[in-house]
Protein backbone atom coordinates (compact mmCIF):
# COMPACT_ATOMS: atom_id res chain seq x y z
CA MET A 1 104.33 82.22 143.39
CA LEU A 2 106.26 82.46 146.67
CA THR A 3 107.05 86.15 146.16
CA THR A 4 103.42 86.88 145.37
CA ALA A 5 102.30 84.97 148.46
CA VAL A 6 104.72 86.88 150.72
CA ILE A 7 103.62 90.25 149.31
CA THR A 8 99.97 89.24 149.74
CA LEU A 9 100.47 88.15 153.34
CA CYS A 10 102.34 91.36 154.22
CA GLY A 11 99.61 93.42 152.59
CA LEU A 12 96.94 91.65 154.61
CA ILE A 13 98.87 92.13 157.86
CA ILE A 14 99.18 95.86 157.19
CA THR A 15 95.55 96.19 156.05
CA PHE A 16 94.14 94.61 159.20
CA ALA A 17 96.52 96.52 161.44
CA LEU A 18 95.14 99.74 159.93
CA ALA A 19 91.61 98.38 160.33
CA TRP A 20 92.37 97.75 164.00
CA LEU A 21 93.49 101.37 164.41
CA LEU A 22 90.20 102.47 162.84
CA GLN A 23 88.15 100.39 165.29
CA LYS A 24 90.29 101.65 168.18
CA ARG A 25 89.34 105.18 167.24
CA THR A 26 85.66 104.52 166.52
CA LYS A 27 85.06 101.70 169.02
CA ASN A 28 83.22 99.89 166.23
CA ALA A 29 84.82 96.64 165.07
CA GLY A 30 82.03 95.97 162.57
CA MET A 31 83.95 97.71 159.79
CA VAL A 32 86.29 94.73 159.66
CA ASP A 33 83.62 92.93 157.60
CA PRO A 34 83.64 95.21 154.52
CA ILE A 35 87.41 95.66 154.84
CA TRP A 36 87.82 91.85 154.77
CA ALA A 37 85.71 91.55 151.62
CA ALA A 38 87.53 94.45 149.91
CA ALA A 39 90.91 92.97 150.88
CA LEU A 40 90.02 89.66 149.26
CA ALA A 41 88.86 91.44 146.12
CA ALA A 42 92.22 93.21 145.97
CA VAL A 43 94.04 89.91 146.55
CA ALA A 44 92.14 88.27 143.68
CA ILE A 45 93.06 91.07 141.28
CA PHE A 46 96.67 91.20 142.48
CA VAL A 47 97.15 87.44 142.17
CA ALA A 48 95.54 87.43 138.71
CA LEU A 49 97.95 90.14 137.56
CA ARG A 50 100.99 88.44 139.11
CA GLY A 51 100.04 84.93 138.05
CA THR A 52 101.97 83.02 135.43
CA GLY A 53 99.21 80.58 134.56
CA ASP A 54 96.87 80.29 131.62
CA ALA A 55 95.19 83.56 130.66
CA LEU A 56 91.64 82.18 131.07
CA ASN A 57 92.45 81.09 134.62
CA ARG A 58 93.83 84.51 135.52
CA ILE A 59 90.94 86.39 133.92
CA PHE A 60 88.43 84.28 135.82
CA VAL A 61 90.22 84.83 139.14
CA GLY A 62 90.56 88.58 138.66
CA VAL A 63 87.02 89.18 137.45
CA ALA A 64 85.21 86.65 139.66
CA GLY A 65 87.10 87.45 142.85
CA GLY A 66 87.15 91.18 142.21
CA VAL A 67 83.43 91.51 141.44
CA TRP A 68 82.41 89.23 144.31
CA GLY A 69 84.55 91.07 146.87
CA ALA A 70 83.63 94.56 145.67
CA ARG A 71 79.89 93.80 145.78
CA LEU A 72 80.09 92.26 149.23
CA ALA A 73 82.27 95.08 150.57
CA MET A 74 79.85 97.74 149.32
CA HIS A 75 76.87 95.88 150.79
CA LEU A 76 78.55 95.46 154.19
CA TRP A 77 79.81 99.04 154.24
CA ARG A 78 76.32 100.43 153.62
CA ARG A 79 74.89 98.08 156.25
CA ASN A 80 77.45 98.94 158.94
CA TRP A 81 78.40 102.57 158.35
CA GLY A 82 76.97 104.93 160.95
CA LYS A 83 75.28 102.07 162.81
CA PRO A 84 75.99 100.77 166.34
CA GLU A 85 78.62 98.08 166.65
CA ASP A 86 77.49 94.63 165.52
CA ALA A 87 76.22 92.56 168.47
CA ARG A 88 78.86 89.89 167.85
CA TYR A 89 81.75 92.31 168.22
CA ARG A 90 80.09 94.16 171.07
CA ALA A 91 79.87 90.86 172.94
CA PHE A 92 83.60 90.29 172.35
CA ARG A 93 84.43 93.78 173.60
CA GLU A 94 82.35 93.32 176.75
CA ARG A 95 83.79 89.87 177.43
CA TRP A 96 87.39 91.00 176.97
CA ALA A 97 86.91 94.19 179.06
CA ALA A 98 90.32 95.82 179.73
CA ALA A 99 92.04 93.47 177.26
CA ALA A 100 89.64 94.38 174.44
CA ASP A 101 92.09 96.46 172.37
CA ARG A 102 94.86 93.85 172.57
CA ASN A 103 92.57 90.92 171.83
CA MET A 104 90.84 92.82 169.04
CA PHE A 105 94.21 93.38 167.37
CA TRP A 106 94.86 89.67 167.19
CA PHE A 107 91.27 89.01 166.17
CA PHE A 108 91.75 91.39 163.25
CA GLN A 109 95.04 89.72 162.31
CA LEU A 110 93.19 86.39 162.34
CA GLN A 111 90.97 87.81 159.60
CA GLY A 112 94.09 88.28 157.52
CA VAL A 113 95.16 84.67 158.13
CA ILE A 114 91.71 83.44 157.10
CA ALA A 115 91.83 85.62 153.98
CA MET A 116 95.21 84.14 153.09
CA LEU A 117 93.89 80.59 153.47
CA LEU A 118 90.88 81.38 151.31
CA ALA A 119 93.18 82.90 148.69
CA VAL A 120 94.33 79.38 147.84
CA ALA A 121 91.29 79.48 145.54
CA PHE A 122 92.97 82.34 143.64
CA PHE A 123 96.57 81.17 143.67
CA VAL A 124 96.06 77.67 142.28
CA PRO A 125 94.30 78.64 139.03
CA ALA A 126 96.25 81.89 138.55
CA PHE A 127 99.54 79.96 138.57
CA SER A 128 98.31 76.89 136.71
CA ALA A 129 99.59 76.58 133.14
CA GLN A 130 96.83 74.09 132.36
CA ALA A 131 93.97 75.80 130.57
CA PRO A 132 90.51 74.94 131.90
CA SER A 133 88.37 72.72 129.71
CA PRO A 134 85.19 74.23 128.27
CA LEU A 135 83.24 72.11 130.77
CA ASN A 136 85.29 73.34 133.74
CA MET A 137 84.99 76.95 132.63
CA GLY A 138 81.27 76.64 131.96
CA VAL A 139 80.51 75.03 135.33
CA ALA A 140 82.72 77.53 137.16
CA ALA A 141 80.98 80.48 135.49
CA LEU A 142 77.53 79.01 136.20
CA VAL A 143 78.33 78.36 139.87
CA TRP A 144 79.82 81.84 140.29
CA ALA A 145 76.90 83.60 138.59
CA SER A 146 74.37 81.60 140.63
CA ALA A 147 76.20 82.46 143.85
CA ILE A 148 76.41 86.18 143.10
CA ALA A 149 72.77 86.37 141.99
CA GLY A 150 71.58 84.39 145.01
CA GLU A 151 73.60 86.34 147.55
CA THR A 152 72.61 89.69 146.03
CA THR A 153 68.93 88.71 146.04
CA ALA A 154 69.04 87.41 149.62
CA ASP A 155 70.76 90.58 150.83
CA HIS A 156 68.14 92.73 149.07
CA GLN A 157 65.26 90.70 150.53
CA LEU A 158 66.59 91.04 154.06
CA ARG A 159 67.39 94.74 153.67
CA SER A 160 63.86 95.45 152.40
CA PHE A 161 62.33 93.49 155.27
CA VAL A 162 64.40 95.15 157.98
CA SER A 163 63.82 98.65 156.58
CA ASP A 164 60.06 98.37 157.24
CA PRO A 165 59.33 99.59 160.81
CA ALA A 166 56.32 97.26 160.93
CA HIS A 167 58.73 94.30 160.91
CA ARG A 168 60.57 95.33 164.06
CA GLU A 169 61.56 92.23 166.11
CA GLN A 170 59.95 89.99 163.48
CA VAL A 171 61.69 87.21 161.54
CA CYS A 172 62.32 87.58 157.81
CA ARG A 173 60.78 84.75 155.78
CA ALA A 174 60.75 86.57 152.45
CA GLY A 175 62.14 84.89 149.36
CA TRP A 176 65.23 82.81 150.07
CA TRP A 177 64.78 83.36 153.80
CA ARG A 178 61.75 81.05 153.74
CA TYR A 179 64.02 78.14 152.79
CA SER A 180 67.19 78.94 154.72
CA ARG A 181 67.93 80.91 157.89
CA HIS A 182 71.14 82.12 156.28
CA PRO A 183 70.84 81.98 152.47
CA ASN A 184 73.47 84.71 152.13
CA TYR A 185 75.94 82.44 153.90
CA PHE A 186 74.99 79.51 151.66
CA PHE A 187 75.66 81.51 148.50
CA GLU A 188 78.89 82.78 150.05
CA CYS A 189 80.09 79.19 150.36
CA LEU A 190 78.84 78.43 146.84
CA HIS A 191 80.92 81.30 145.47
CA TRP A 192 84.12 79.63 146.68
CA CYS A 193 83.09 76.41 144.92
CA SER A 194 83.43 78.15 141.54
CA TYR A 195 87.24 78.17 141.78
CA ALA A 196 87.24 74.46 142.59
CA ALA A 197 85.07 73.83 139.52
CA LEU A 198 87.59 75.78 137.44
CA SER A 199 90.72 74.07 138.78
CA ILE A 200 89.82 70.62 140.07
CA SER A 201 91.46 68.81 137.15
CA ALA A 202 94.64 70.91 137.28
CA PRO A 203 97.76 70.07 139.32
CA TRP A 204 97.05 70.84 142.97
CA GLY A 205 93.47 71.58 141.97
CA TRP A 206 92.17 69.48 144.85
CA THR A 207 93.41 72.16 147.26
CA THR A 208 90.74 74.54 145.95
CA LEU A 209 88.18 72.39 147.78
CA PHE A 210 89.61 73.71 151.05
CA PRO A 211 88.31 77.33 150.85
CA PRO A 212 84.58 76.47 150.54
CA LEU A 213 84.94 73.87 153.31
CA LEU A 214 86.76 76.37 155.52
CA MET A 215 84.12 79.02 154.87
CA ALA A 216 81.30 76.58 155.66
CA TRP A 217 82.99 75.50 158.90
CA LEU A 218 83.58 79.09 160.01
CA LEU A 219 80.00 80.08 159.30
CA LEU A 220 78.40 76.97 160.80
CA LYS A 221 80.60 76.44 163.83
CA VAL A 222 82.65 79.52 164.70
CA SER A 223 81.86 83.19 164.09
CA GLY A 224 78.87 83.14 161.79
CA ILE A 225 75.67 81.33 162.65
CA PRO A 226 76.29 80.49 166.36
CA LEU A 227 76.99 84.07 167.45
CA LEU A 228 74.37 85.63 165.19
CA GLU A 229 71.62 83.23 166.22
CA ALA A 230 72.35 83.67 169.92
CA HIS A 231 71.65 87.38 169.42
CA LEU A 232 68.56 86.78 167.27
CA MET A 233 67.01 84.38 169.79
CA ALA A 234 67.44 87.02 172.48
CA THR A 235 65.89 89.83 170.43
CA ARG A 236 63.23 88.13 168.28
CA PRO A 237 60.68 85.97 170.12
CA ALA A 238 59.69 84.04 166.97
CA TYR A 239 63.23 83.09 166.03
CA ARG A 240 63.30 79.82 167.99
CA GLU A 241 60.27 78.53 166.07
CA TYR A 242 61.96 79.68 162.83
CA MET A 243 64.99 77.58 163.78
CA ASN A 244 62.78 74.52 164.30
CA THR A 245 61.21 74.75 160.86
CA THR A 246 63.90 76.19 158.60
CA SER A 247 67.22 74.83 157.33
CA SER A 248 70.24 76.55 158.85
CA LEU A 249 72.25 76.91 155.64
CA VAL A 250 71.25 74.93 152.52
CA PRO A 251 67.90 76.18 151.12
CA TRP A 252 65.27 73.50 151.70
CA PRO A 253 61.47 73.41 152.01
CA PRO A 254 60.52 74.33 155.59
CA LYS A 255 59.08 71.82 158.01
CA ALA A 256 55.56 72.16 159.32
CA SER A 257 55.39 74.37 162.38
CA ARG A 258 54.81 72.50 165.61
CA GLN A 259 51.77 73.81 167.41
CA PRO A 260 51.92 73.86 171.24
């Protein structure tokens, strides 16, 4: 496992160094998002192939992680390619000014560190000799399928809403977006829970609880929701009212709107 971990870490360092060179040339750091998703898909497949654990564990890791990462990478690439730099990264660039290239390099390397921490969800089952019980496998597959279906649907609903010029500066409340301000983020966290469901009864299985908790913390407190919502409040007048009535992450029936 150690050799696989070292190779994985080195690969991530190189990948995000190359991604940094790409953003240095294009002045668009937004491409780090699809590269991050694609890198994790590659890590899942690599770890599944290198793993010495039970075959069912390794198949689940390779297929589940590979499909999830490839879908997300393709979605993010289509969303970002040829578009202006994401407001979050543009704000970083403006704040860092002359130090932007240097700071962006370390920011990109941080993405590799985060990817390595999340990859715990792949390493534990792929190197576990204990076969998953039918219950563990069934729950893991159900959680994973629900997460992929939910995230795909939420992405499609938002893309369809934004593509209509009549919705300019309006707030999407279609489908899942009626019940959560960030349903795509919720299903992203749910995806990481599938590996915990697979491995929780195996040795060191408890460590697979860390990736979904880390992802939830990052989205809720660090680079996801706080930065995105600051931009949305500044560009969409109705967004503040949307925040008052709609759950931030977990889908939940909306509250009644408060009339002035």
